Amino acid sequence: MEWEKLLADTRIGKKIDPPYDPEKYYMSEFEKDYWRIINSASFRRLQDKTQVFPLDKSDFVRTRLTHSIETSSLAKQLTAMITKNITIYEKDTPYKITSDQAVLAADIAMCSGLLHDIGNPPFGHFGEVIIRDWFKNNLGNYSYKDKTLTDSLTKHMKNDLYNFEGNAQALRLLIKLHHVDSEFGLNLTASVLNTIVKYPVDSLTFDEKDPDVKNHKIGYYLSENEEFSKIADITETKINQIYYRHPLTFILEAADDIAYATADLEDAFKKGFFSIDTFVEFFENELREYEKAGLFTKVQIEKSNLLIEYFDELKLQFKKEHSKEIMIFQNWLSHVRDWLLYCAAYGFTHSYTEIMEGTFKKDIFEESFHGATICILKSVMHEFVYSTPSITKLELAAQSILYSLLDKFIPAIIYYKEDTETNPMYKQTKAEHNLTDLISENYKENYLKSKTDDPVNNLYLRLLLVTDFICGMTDSYAKNLYQELNGMN
C-alpha cells in the first residue's frame, strides 16, 4: 500500500464547489469532512447514546459523543507521534511518508475517531447484542407471502441480520442515510470511509476466532458491497480481490481502546463501582495469572507492575488534598494514558512494514511494554461494572424497549410499498401503515431508491429499513417511543 493512494481525497459522490474561490480560502478535503461530520444529525445524536451506562441519569458520565471526541483527539495525537517515528526510525522504508502527508493522515484519523461509533444503536454495545438476538430468535416467526422470512432470505442476508454490527451500520449510514449535496450520503472522502471499516470482511467470511484481527467482525453489509469495493479501489486497499485494513485503522482502534480503557474506568470509579484498593488487588491478581500462563514477557509484567507502584507515589503527593481518592485515580489514569499512547506508537512503528504490506494480524499493543496493561484495564469493566445488578437492570430495560420496537416494526414493514393491485392478499394493515409513517423519510427514501426487480432483495432492504430507523434513535427517543406505543404515557 502507498500513502499517496491511502490518503486519497476523492469523493464517490458529486463534488460541490463553494461559491467563493477555493484556492484563496483553502481547506483540505479532510477538513471539509470534519465540518460535514460535526454538522450532521447522526453525530449530534451521539450526545444521547450510551457509552457504558444505559439510561443513566447522571450528567458526568461519558456518552457516545464525548467518547467519540476523546477517541478523535487521541487518534490525531497518535498519528502525529507515529508519522514522526516513521521519519526518524524508518528512513530506509520503501513506504515513506512526507510531512504534508503526515498532516493529512492526522486529519483523517481525527475524522475517523468522530465517526467510529456513529452506527451504534441505542444503549451501547448491548443494543447490538439485542438486535442480533432478536433476529436469531424471531425472524422465522414471520412470513413473506407463502414462506417464512428465514426461508425467503439468502444466507448472506440472514447472516447480516444475525450478526448485526455497529461498524457495518456506520458505513451504511454515512453513504446511504444522509442527504446533503450528493447521492452518496454525507459524501465523505474515500480515505475517511475506508479508515472506519475496522473489519473489511462480510458476514459470510468473518470469523471471530481467526488469528487475523481484521476478520473478527463484519465491516459491511451485502447492501453496501458495491460501494465498499469502490472505496477500497480508490485507496488501493483491495489487492487481488482481498480487502486489507487501511493502516490508519490500526491507529483508530488503538485510540478507541485507550479511551475505553481509561475514560470509562474513570466514570466507573466516580460512580463507586470499585475503590483504588480493590482495583489494585484485581490488577495484581490478573498480572500474576498472566505471568503463570506465560502470556506476556518478563519485561511486560515488570512494566505493568511499575504502573501499580506509581499509586504509592501519588498517595504521598495527594496526602493533604481533599477528595484525594478521585484525584489519585485521575492522575494515575493520565499517566497510564501517556504510556499507552507511547506504546501504541511503538507498536505501529515496530510493525510498520507488515502493516503497509497488509500482513500484520494483531493489534499494535500486543508486543509493546503495556500489552498486559491494556488487557487488564479492559477486563476491569467486566469484573466490576457489567455484572452488577444496577447495570443488569438497565440492560434488561433496554432489551424490553428494543425487543418491543422490533416486534412492532418488523411485521409492519414486510409489505411496505408492495404491489397490492396484483397481490391484494399481501398488503399492510392500517396499523402497520401507521407504524411505517413513523419511520424517517430519509430512510424510506433510501429504500425506494435502492429497490430492485428482485423481491427477495427488496424484502432484505425493508428489514434493514427497520434497523436503520432503530439505530438512528437516541436512548431517550427509543424509550419514549416504546412508552407511547405501549400506552404508558
Protein backbone atom coordinates (compact mmCIF):
# COMPACT_ATOMS: atom_id res chain seq x y z
CA MET A 1 0.00 0.00 0.00
CA GLU A 2 1.14 3.57 -0.70
CA TRP A 3 0.36 6.72 1.24
CA GLU A 4 -0.46 8.68 -1.89
CA LYS A 5 -3.41 6.35 -2.52
CA LEU A 6 -4.22 5.74 1.16
CA LEU A 7 -4.72 9.49 1.64
CA ALA A 8 -6.90 9.91 -1.43
CA ASP A 9 -9.30 12.83 -1.03
CA THR A 10 -11.63 11.50 -3.72
CA ARG A 11 -15.37 11.52 -3.08
CA ILE A 12 -17.58 8.98 -4.80
CA GLY A 13 -20.45 11.44 -4.86
CA LYS A 14 -20.51 14.60 -6.92
CA LYS A 15 -18.16 17.28 -5.65
CA ILE A 16 -19.87 20.60 -4.90
CA ASP A 17 -17.63 23.68 -5.14
CA PRO A 18 -18.23 26.60 -2.74
CA PRO A 19 -19.45 29.98 -4.09
CA TYR A 20 -16.01 31.50 -3.35
CA ASP A 21 -12.52 30.83 -4.71
CA PRO A 22 -11.46 27.55 -3.02
CA GLU A 23 -7.78 28.28 -3.68
CA LYS A 24 -7.97 31.65 -1.94
CA TYR A 25 -9.60 30.18 1.20
CA TYR A 26 -8.04 26.74 1.08
CA MET A 27 -9.24 23.85 3.22
CA SER A 28 -8.15 20.27 2.74
CA GLU A 29 -10.87 17.81 1.79
CA PHE A 30 -10.43 16.14 5.18
CA GLU A 31 -11.02 19.42 7.00
CA LYS A 32 -14.22 19.67 4.97
CA ASP A 33 -15.08 16.14 6.10
CA TYR A 34 -14.66 17.29 9.71
CA TRP A 35 -17.24 20.02 9.16
CA ARG A 36 -19.64 17.64 7.44
CA ILE A 37 -19.38 15.21 10.34
CA ILE A 38 -19.93 17.62 13.24
CA ASN A 39 -22.78 19.29 11.33
CA SER A 40 -24.64 16.00 10.84
CA ALA A 41 -27.70 14.93 12.80
CA SER A 42 -26.25 11.47 13.40
CA PHE A 43 -23.20 12.92 15.12
CA ARG A 44 -25.33 15.19 17.32
CA ARG A 45 -27.46 12.23 18.35
CA LEU A 46 -24.43 10.62 19.96
CA GLN A 47 -24.89 13.01 22.88
CA ASP A 48 -27.86 10.86 23.97
CA LYS A 49 -26.45 7.42 23.24
CA THR A 50 -24.96 5.14 25.86
CA GLN A 51 -21.23 4.68 26.21
CA VAL A 52 -21.27 2.31 29.24
CA PHE A 53 -24.21 3.16 31.50
CA PRO A 54 -27.60 2.77 29.73
CA LEU A 55 -30.34 5.27 30.60
CA ASP A 56 -28.06 6.84 33.22
CA LYS A 57 -29.47 9.89 34.99
CA SER A 58 -26.07 11.37 35.82
CA ASP A 59 -24.64 14.11 33.63
CA PHE A 60 -20.94 13.47 34.28
CA VAL A 61 -20.57 10.04 32.68
CA ARG A 62 -19.40 9.72 29.11
CA THR A 63 -21.87 9.45 26.27
CA ARG A 64 -21.05 8.19 22.78
CA LEU A 65 -20.46 11.82 21.82
CA THR A 66 -17.84 12.58 24.47
CA HIS A 67 -16.22 9.17 23.91
CA SER A 68 -16.02 9.86 20.17
CA ILE A 69 -14.47 13.29 20.73
CA GLU A 70 -11.88 11.76 23.07
CA THR A 71 -11.11 9.00 20.58
CA SER A 72 -10.78 11.57 17.80
CA SER A 73 -8.28 13.61 19.79
CA LEU A 74 -6.25 10.53 20.74
CA ALA A 75 -6.26 9.29 17.14
CA LYS A 76 -4.91 12.59 15.83
CA GLN A 77 -2.22 12.77 18.52
CA LEU A 78 -1.22 9.15 17.98
CA THR A 79 -0.97 9.61 14.21
CA ALA A 80 1.32 12.61 14.71
CA MET A 81 3.55 10.53 17.01
CA ILE A 82 3.64 7.59 14.58
CA THR A 83 4.39 9.60 11.45
CA LYS A 84 7.20 11.34 13.36
CA ASN A 85 8.57 7.92 14.36
CA ILE A 86 8.47 6.73 10.75
CA THR A 87 10.56 9.66 9.55
CA ILE A 88 13.11 9.07 12.34
CA TYR A 89 13.32 5.30 12.66
CA GLU A 90 12.17 4.03 9.26
CA LYS A 91 14.48 6.04 6.98
CA ASP A 92 15.13 3.08 4.69
CA THR A 93 11.50 2.05 4.32
CA PRO A 94 10.00 1.93 0.81
CA TYR A 95 6.78 3.23 2.43
CA LYS A 96 7.92 6.79 3.09
CA ILE A 97 5.53 9.48 4.27
CA THR A 98 6.13 13.20 3.69
CA SER A 99 5.45 15.92 6.26
CA ASP A 100 2.45 17.11 4.22
CA GLN A 101 1.07 13.58 4.09
CA ALA A 102 1.57 13.23 7.85
CA VAL A 103 -0.70 16.24 8.41
CA LEU A 104 -3.38 14.78 6.14
CA ALA A 105 -3.12 11.39 7.87
CA ALA A 106 -3.70 13.04 11.25
CA ASP A 107 -6.79 14.82 9.90
CA ILE A 108 -8.18 11.54 8.55
CA ALA A 109 -7.57 9.86 11.91
CA MET A 110 -9.31 12.75 13.68
CA CYS A 111 -12.38 12.39 11.44
CA SER A 112 -12.49 8.63 11.81
CA GLY A 113 -12.40 8.98 15.59
CA LEU A 114 -15.53 11.12 15.46
CA LEU A 115 -17.25 8.50 13.27
CA HIS A 116 -16.17 5.16 14.69
CA ASP A 117 -19.32 4.63 16.81
CA ILE A 118 -21.81 6.57 14.69
CA GLY A 119 -23.58 3.38 13.57
CA ASN A 120 -24.21 2.07 17.08
CA PRO A 121 -27.84 1.60 18.14
CA PRO A 122 -29.26 2.97 21.41
CA PHE A 123 -27.96 1.52 24.69
CA GLY A 124 -24.37 0.91 23.66
CA HIS A 125 -22.87 -2.35 22.51
CA PHE A 126 -25.60 -4.17 24.43
CA GLY A 127 -28.03 -2.74 21.86
CA GLU A 128 -26.11 -4.58 19.13
CA VAL A 129 -26.47 -7.86 21.02
CA ILE A 130 -30.20 -7.29 21.50
CA ILE A 131 -30.78 -6.72 17.77
CA ARG A 132 -28.75 -9.82 16.83
CA ASP A 133 -30.61 -11.96 19.33
CA TRP A 134 -34.00 -10.69 18.19
CA PHE A 135 -33.34 -11.71 14.57
CA LYS A 136 -31.93 -15.10 15.58
CA ASN A 137 -34.94 -15.83 17.79
CA ASN A 138 -37.76 -14.21 15.82
CA LEU A 139 -37.03 -13.98 12.10
CA GLY A 140 -38.68 -17.35 11.46
CA ASN A 141 -41.88 -16.26 13.19
CA TYR A 142 -42.92 -14.02 10.30
CA SER A 143 -43.81 -14.80 6.71
CA TYR A 144 -43.44 -13.15 3.34
CA LYS A 145 -46.16 -14.47 1.04
CA ASP A 146 -46.04 -18.26 1.43
CA LYS A 147 -42.62 -18.57 3.09
CA THR A 148 -41.13 -17.69 6.45
CA LEU A 149 -38.59 -14.87 6.39
CA THR A 150 -35.82 -17.34 7.17
CA ASP A 151 -36.78 -19.39 4.12
CA SER A 152 -37.23 -16.32 1.93
CA LEU A 153 -33.86 -14.63 2.51
CA THR A 154 -30.48 -15.79 1.25
CA LYS A 155 -27.80 -16.97 3.66
CA HIS A 156 -25.86 -13.74 3.22
CA MET A 157 -28.91 -11.61 4.00
CA LYS A 158 -29.72 -13.63 7.12
CA ASN A 159 -26.11 -13.50 8.29
CA ASP A 160 -26.18 -9.70 8.05
CA LEU A 161 -29.15 -9.64 10.41
CA TYR A 162 -27.97 -12.40 12.75
CA ASN A 163 -24.61 -10.67 13.12
CA PHE A 164 -25.82 -7.09 13.15
CA GLU A 165 -22.81 -4.87 13.75
CA GLY A 166 -22.48 -1.17 14.52
CA ASN A 167 -19.31 -0.98 12.43
CA ALA A 168 -21.14 -2.12 9.29
CA GLN A 169 -24.07 0.15 10.15
CA ALA A 170 -21.71 3.13 10.35
CA LEU A 171 -20.62 2.67 6.73
CA ARG A 172 -24.23 2.21 5.62
CA LEU A 173 -25.38 5.30 7.48
CA LEU A 174 -22.63 7.51 6.09
CA ILE A 175 -23.04 6.54 2.43
CA LYS A 176 -26.79 5.91 2.25
CA LEU A 177 -28.84 7.50 5.01
CA HIS A 178 -27.91 11.19 4.83
CA HIS A 179 -28.94 13.61 2.12
CA VAL A 180 -26.68 16.65 1.90
CA ASP A 181 -25.35 17.63 -1.52
CA SER A 182 -24.84 14.20 -3.05
CA GLU A 183 -26.49 10.89 -3.74
CA PHE A 184 -23.68 9.35 -1.72
CA GLY A 185 -24.87 10.17 1.81
CA LEU A 186 -22.57 12.56 3.65
CA ASN A 187 -20.24 12.24 0.66
CA LEU A 188 -17.10 11.87 2.77
CA THR A 189 -13.72 11.12 1.27
CA ALA A 190 -12.82 7.54 0.46
CA SER A 191 -9.88 7.59 2.90
CA VAL A 192 -12.04 8.55 5.88
CA LEU A 193 -14.68 5.96 4.99
CA ASN A 194 -12.05 3.27 4.50
CA THR A 195 -10.41 4.03 7.84
CA ILE A 196 -13.61 3.48 9.84
CA VAL A 197 -14.06 -0.03 8.40
CA LYS A 198 -12.19 -1.89 11.12
CA TYR A 199 -13.16 -5.28 9.71
CA PRO A 200 -13.03 -5.36 5.89
CA VAL A 201 -14.99 -8.63 5.63
CA ASP A 202 -18.65 -9.51 5.10
CA SER A 203 -20.99 -11.68 7.14
CA LEU A 204 -20.20 -14.81 5.11
CA THR A 205 -16.46 -14.70 5.73
CA PHE A 206 -15.90 -13.13 9.16
CA ASP A 207 -14.58 -15.39 11.91
CA GLU A 208 -14.17 -14.12 15.47
CA LYS A 209 -11.59 -16.87 16.17
CA ASP A 210 -9.45 -16.10 13.13
CA PRO A 211 -5.83 -15.25 14.05
CA ASP A 212 -6.12 -12.14 11.86
CA VAL A 213 -7.86 -9.40 13.87
CA LYS A 214 -9.35 -7.82 10.73
CA ASN A 215 -11.66 -10.82 10.29
CA HIS A 216 -13.22 -10.82 13.77
CA LYS A 217 -16.44 -8.93 12.93
CA ILE A 218 -18.33 -7.80 9.86
CA GLY A 219 -17.43 -4.42 8.42
CA TYR A 220 -20.03 -4.00 5.69
CA TYR A 221 -23.37 -5.49 4.69
CA LEU A 222 -24.34 -7.08 1.41
CA SER A 223 -26.26 -3.88 0.67
CA GLU A 224 -23.00 -1.85 0.68
CA ASN A 225 -20.81 -4.40 -1.07
CA GLU A 226 -20.52 -2.39 -4.29
CA GLU A 227 -19.77 0.91 -2.58
CA PHE A 228 -17.14 -0.56 -0.27
CA SER A 229 -15.43 -2.12 -3.28
CA LYS A 230 -15.23 1.33 -4.91
CA ILE A 231 -13.77 2.85 -1.74
CA ALA A 232 -11.11 0.13 -1.48
CA ASP A 233 -10.27 0.53 -5.17
CA ILE A 234 -9.63 4.24 -4.67
CA THR A 235 -7.34 3.74 -1.65
CA GLU A 236 -5.88 0.55 -3.15
CA THR A 237 -6.52 -1.47 0.00
CA LYS A 238 -8.04 -4.17 -2.21
CA ILE A 239 -5.26 -6.34 -3.64
CA ASN A 240 -6.03 -9.40 -5.78
CA GLN A 241 -9.68 -9.20 -4.68
CA ILE A 242 -8.70 -9.35 -0.99
CA TYR A 243 -9.51 -6.43 1.29
CA TYR A 244 -6.86 -5.25 3.73
CA ARG A 245 -7.12 -2.87 6.65
CA HIS A 246 -6.28 0.73 5.96
CA PRO A 247 -3.11 1.41 8.06
CA LEU A 248 -4.83 4.28 9.87
CA THR A 249 -7.46 1.80 11.08
CA PHE A 250 -4.88 0.29 13.44
CA ILE A 251 -4.38 3.76 14.89
CA LEU A 252 -8.13 4.36 15.20
CA GLU A 253 -8.58 1.06 17.03
CA ALA A 254 -5.72 1.84 19.42
CA ALA A 255 -7.18 5.28 20.18
CA ASP A 256 -10.58 3.72 20.83
CA ASP A 257 -9.00 1.17 23.17
CA ILE A 258 -7.12 3.87 25.09
CA ALA A 259 -10.28 5.93 25.52
CA TYR A 260 -12.28 2.89 26.60
CA ALA A 261 -9.58 1.59 28.95
CA THR A 262 -9.06 4.90 30.75
CA ALA A 263 -12.03 7.26 30.42
CA ASP A 264 -14.67 4.58 31.03
CA LEU A 265 -12.74 3.44 34.10
CA GLU A 266 -12.86 6.98 35.45
CA ASP A 267 -16.65 7.03 35.10
CA ALA A 268 -16.98 3.66 36.83
CA PHE A 269 -14.71 4.81 39.66
CA LYS A 270 -16.69 8.03 40.14
CA LYS A 271 -19.89 6.01 40.33
CA GLY A 272 -18.40 3.88 43.12
CA PHE A 273 -18.11 0.53 41.35
CA PHE A 274 -14.67 -0.05 42.86
CA SER A 275 -12.05 1.59 45.10
CA ILE A 276 -8.34 2.05 44.44
CA ASP A 277 -7.55 -0.83 46.79
CA THR A 278 -9.92 -3.27 45.06
CA PHE A 279 -8.67 -2.06 41.67
CA VAL A 280 -5.03 -2.65 42.65
CA GLU A 281 -5.83 -6.08 44.08
CA PHE A 282 -7.61 -7.11 40.87
CA PHE A 283 -4.80 -5.72 38.69
CA GLU A 284 -2.11 -7.59 40.64
CA ASN A 285 -4.08 -10.85 40.62
CA GLU A 286 -4.59 -10.65 36.87
CA LEU A 287 -0.93 -9.90 36.35
CA ARG A 288 0.07 -12.99 38.37
CA GLU A 289 -2.27 -15.12 36.27
CA TYR A 290 -0.78 -13.73 33.06
CA GLU A 291 2.71 -14.47 34.38
CA LYS A 292 1.82 -18.07 35.30
CA ALA A 293 0.27 -18.66 31.89
CA GLY A 294 3.27 -17.16 30.11
CA LEU A 295 1.01 -14.85 28.10
CA PHE A 296 3.40 -11.90 28.29
CA THR A 297 7.14 -11.39 28.58
CA LYS A 298 9.02 -10.68 31.81
CA VAL A 299 9.59 -7.08 30.69
CA GLN A 300 5.87 -6.56 30.03
CA ILE A 301 4.99 -7.89 33.50
CA GLU A 302 7.60 -5.62 35.10
CA LYS A 303 6.31 -2.54 33.24
CA SER A 304 2.75 -3.23 34.41
CA ASN A 305 4.00 -3.62 38.00
CA LEU A 306 5.67 -0.22 37.77
CA LEU A 307 2.31 1.35 36.95
CA ILE A 308 0.78 -0.13 40.10
CA GLU A 309 3.72 1.08 42.17
CA TYR A 310 3.02 4.59 40.86
CA PHE A 311 -0.09 4.64 43.06
CA ASP A 312 2.18 4.85 46.14
CA GLU A 313 3.89 7.94 44.75
CA LEU A 314 0.53 9.58 44.04
CA LYS A 315 -0.80 8.78 47.52
CA LEU A 316 2.11 10.70 49.01
CA GLN A 317 1.65 13.55 46.57
CA PHE A 318 -2.06 13.99 47.39
CA LYS A 319 -1.80 13.18 51.10
CA LYS A 320 -3.15 16.56 52.23
CA GLU A 321 -5.70 17.06 49.46
CA HIS A 322 -9.47 16.76 49.84
CA SER A 323 -11.23 14.16 47.67
CA LYS A 324 -7.83 12.57 47.21
CA GLU A 325 -9.13 9.18 46.02
CA ILE A 326 -10.57 10.56 42.79
CA MET A 327 -7.59 12.88 42.30
CA ILE A 328 -5.18 9.99 42.73
CA PHE A 329 -7.10 7.79 40.31
CA GLN A 330 -7.47 10.53 37.70
CA ASN A 331 -3.75 11.34 37.83
CA TRP A 332 -2.91 7.64 37.60
CA LEU A 333 -5.12 7.29 34.52
CA SER A 334 -3.47 10.32 32.92
CA HIS A 335 -0.06 8.70 33.49
CA VAL A 336 -1.32 5.41 32.03
CA ARG A 337 -2.85 7.16 29.02
CA ASP A 338 0.53 8.70 28.17
CA TRP A 339 2.20 5.31 28.41
CA LEU A 340 -0.42 3.68 26.21
CA LEU A 341 0.00 6.37 23.55
CA TYR A 342 3.76 5.78 23.60
CA CYS A 343 3.27 2.00 23.36
CA ALA A 344 0.76 2.25 20.50
CA ALA A 345 3.18 4.49 18.61
CA TYR A 346 5.96 1.97 19.21
CA GLY A 347 3.75 -0.96 18.18
CA PHE A 348 2.79 0.63 14.87
CA THR A 349 6.35 1.73 14.07
CA HIS A 350 7.80 -1.66 15.05
CA SER A 351 5.38 -3.45 12.67
CA TYR A 352 5.30 -0.72 10.02
CA THR A 353 6.40 -2.83 7.06
CA GLU A 354 3.92 -5.61 7.86
CA ILE A 355 1.11 -3.08 8.29
CA MET A 356 1.85 -1.45 4.94
CA GLU A 357 2.06 -4.84 3.23
CA GLY A 358 -1.22 -5.98 4.78
CA THR A 359 0.34 -8.93 6.62
CA PHE A 360 0.09 -7.64 10.20
CA LYS A 361 -2.60 -9.64 12.03
CA LYS A 362 -2.54 -8.36 15.63
CA ASP A 363 -3.38 -5.16 17.44
CA ILE A 364 -0.46 -2.79 17.85
CA PHE A 365 -0.40 -3.03 21.67
CA GLU A 366 0.22 -6.77 21.84
CA GLU A 367 4.02 -6.78 21.77
CA SER A 368 4.56 -3.40 23.41
CA PHE A 369 5.61 -2.74 27.03
CA HIS A 370 2.00 -2.45 28.10
CA GLY A 371 0.37 -5.27 26.18
CA ALA A 372 -0.61 -6.82 29.52
CA THR A 373 -1.75 -3.48 30.97
CA ILE A 374 -4.28 -2.77 28.22
CA CYS A 375 -5.74 -6.26 28.59
CA ILE A 376 -6.20 -5.84 32.34
CA LEU A 377 -7.71 -2.38 32.05
CA LYS A 378 -10.26 -3.60 29.51
CA SER A 379 -11.20 -6.52 31.77
CA VAL A 380 -11.83 -4.28 34.81
CA MET A 381 -15.19 -3.15 33.44
CA HIS A 382 -16.35 -6.75 33.05
CA GLU A 383 -15.23 -7.56 36.59
CA PHE A 384 -16.68 -4.57 38.45
CA VAL A 385 -19.36 -2.99 36.23
CA TYR A 386 -21.11 -5.13 33.64
CA SER A 387 -22.05 -7.93 36.03
CA THR A 388 -23.54 -5.69 38.75
CA PRO A 389 -27.31 -5.68 39.47
CA SER A 390 -27.66 -1.98 38.62
CA ILE A 391 -26.23 -2.42 35.12
CA THR A 392 -28.12 -5.68 34.62
CA LYS A 393 -31.42 -3.91 35.39
CA LEU A 394 -30.63 -1.13 32.94
CA GLU A 395 -29.70 -3.65 30.25
CA LEU A 396 -32.93 -5.59 30.82
CA ALA A 397 -34.87 -2.35 30.42
CA ALA A 398 -33.01 -1.70 27.16
CA GLN A 399 -33.83 -5.21 25.98
CA SER A 400 -37.54 -4.70 26.67
CA ILE A 401 -37.51 -1.44 24.71
CA LEU A 402 -35.68 -2.72 21.62
CA TYR A 403 -37.50 -6.07 21.52
CA SER A 404 -40.83 -4.29 21.68
CA LEU A 405 -39.90 -1.91 18.84
CA LEU A 406 -38.65 -4.75 16.65
CA ASP A 407 -41.78 -6.78 17.44
CA LYS A 408 -43.88 -3.92 16.09
CA PHE A 409 -41.89 -2.55 13.16
CA ILE A 410 -40.57 -5.74 11.52
CA PRO A 411 -44.01 -7.23 10.72
CA ALA A 412 -45.28 -3.76 9.79
CA ILE A 413 -42.60 -3.31 7.13
CA ILE A 414 -42.86 -6.67 5.38
CA TYR A 415 -45.33 -5.49 2.73
CA TYR A 416 -44.35 -1.81 2.65
CA LYS A 417 -44.77 -0.46 -0.92
CA GLU A 418 -45.56 -3.91 -2.32
CA ASP A 419 -47.69 -4.16 -5.46
CA THR A 420 -51.08 -4.64 -3.80
CA GLU A 421 -53.03 -4.40 -7.08
CA THR A 422 -51.59 -7.64 -8.46
CA ASN A 423 -51.23 -9.18 -4.98
CA PRO A 424 -54.20 -7.88 -2.94
CA MET A 425 -53.63 -10.53 -0.25
CA TYR A 426 -50.20 -9.13 0.60
CA LYS A 427 -50.56 -5.62 1.92
CA GLN A 428 -50.11 -3.60 5.06
CA THR A 429 -52.89 -3.24 7.57
CA LYS A 430 -53.95 0.23 8.65
CA ALA A 431 -51.98 -0.15 11.90
CA GLU A 432 -48.89 -1.31 10.01
CA HIS A 433 -49.19 1.64 7.64
CA ASN A 434 -49.38 4.00 10.63
CA LEU A 435 -46.26 2.46 12.15
CA THR A 436 -44.38 2.85 8.87
CA ASP A 437 -45.32 6.54 8.83
CA LEU A 438 -43.22 6.96 11.98
CA ILE A 439 -40.04 5.93 10.17
CA SER A 440 -37.79 8.76 8.98
CA GLU A 441 -38.50 9.93 5.45
CA ASN A 442 -34.75 9.87 4.73
CA TYR A 443 -34.62 6.16 5.46
CA LYS A 444 -37.74 5.38 3.44
CA GLU A 445 -36.44 7.44 0.54
CA ASN A 446 -33.20 5.47 0.60
CA TYR A 447 -35.18 2.23 0.46
CA LEU A 448 -37.20 3.40 -2.54
CA LYS A 449 -34.01 4.45 -4.37
CA SER A 450 -32.33 1.12 -3.58
CA LYS A 451 -35.23 -1.10 -4.70
CA THR A 452 -34.52 -3.57 -7.49
CA ASP A 453 -36.57 -6.02 -9.54
CA ASP A 454 -35.66 -8.78 -7.07
CA PRO A 455 -38.45 -9.17 -4.48
CA VAL A 456 -36.15 -11.04 -2.05
CA ASN A 457 -33.55 -8.29 -2.17
CA ASN A 458 -36.29 -5.72 -1.58
CA LEU A 459 -37.53 -7.68 1.43
CA TYR A 460 -33.97 -7.65 2.83
CA LEU A 461 -33.75 -3.89 2.26
CA ARG A 462 -37.06 -3.37 4.07
CA LEU A 463 -35.74 -5.25 7.09
CA LEU A 464 -32.65 -3.02 7.01
CA LEU A 465 -35.02 -0.06 6.88
CA VAL A 466 -36.18 -1.02 10.39
CA THR A 467 -32.64 -1.45 11.73
CA ASP A 468 -31.74 1.90 10.14
CA PHE A 469 -34.65 3.51 11.98
CA ILE A 470 -33.81 1.94 15.33
CA CYS A 471 -30.07 2.64 15.05
CA GLY A 472 -30.83 6.28 14.36
CA MET A 473 -32.67 6.61 17.67
CA THR A 474 -31.16 8.10 20.80
CA ASP A 475 -31.66 6.30 24.10
CA SER A 476 -34.34 8.79 25.14
CA TYR A 477 -36.21 8.64 21.84
CA ALA A 478 -36.28 4.83 21.90
CA LYS A 479 -37.55 4.84 25.48
CA ASN A 480 -40.21 7.48 24.79
CA LEU A 481 -41.42 5.80 21.60
CA TYR A 482 -41.64 2.46 23.42
CA GLN A 483 -43.75 4.07 26.15
CA GLU A 484 -46.02 5.86 23.67
CA LEU A 485 -46.63 2.76 21.55
CA ASN A 486 -47.40 0.73 24.64
CA GLY A 487 -49.80 3.28 26.16
CA MET A 488 -47.51 4.21 29.05
CA ASN A 489 -47.76 7.99 28.65
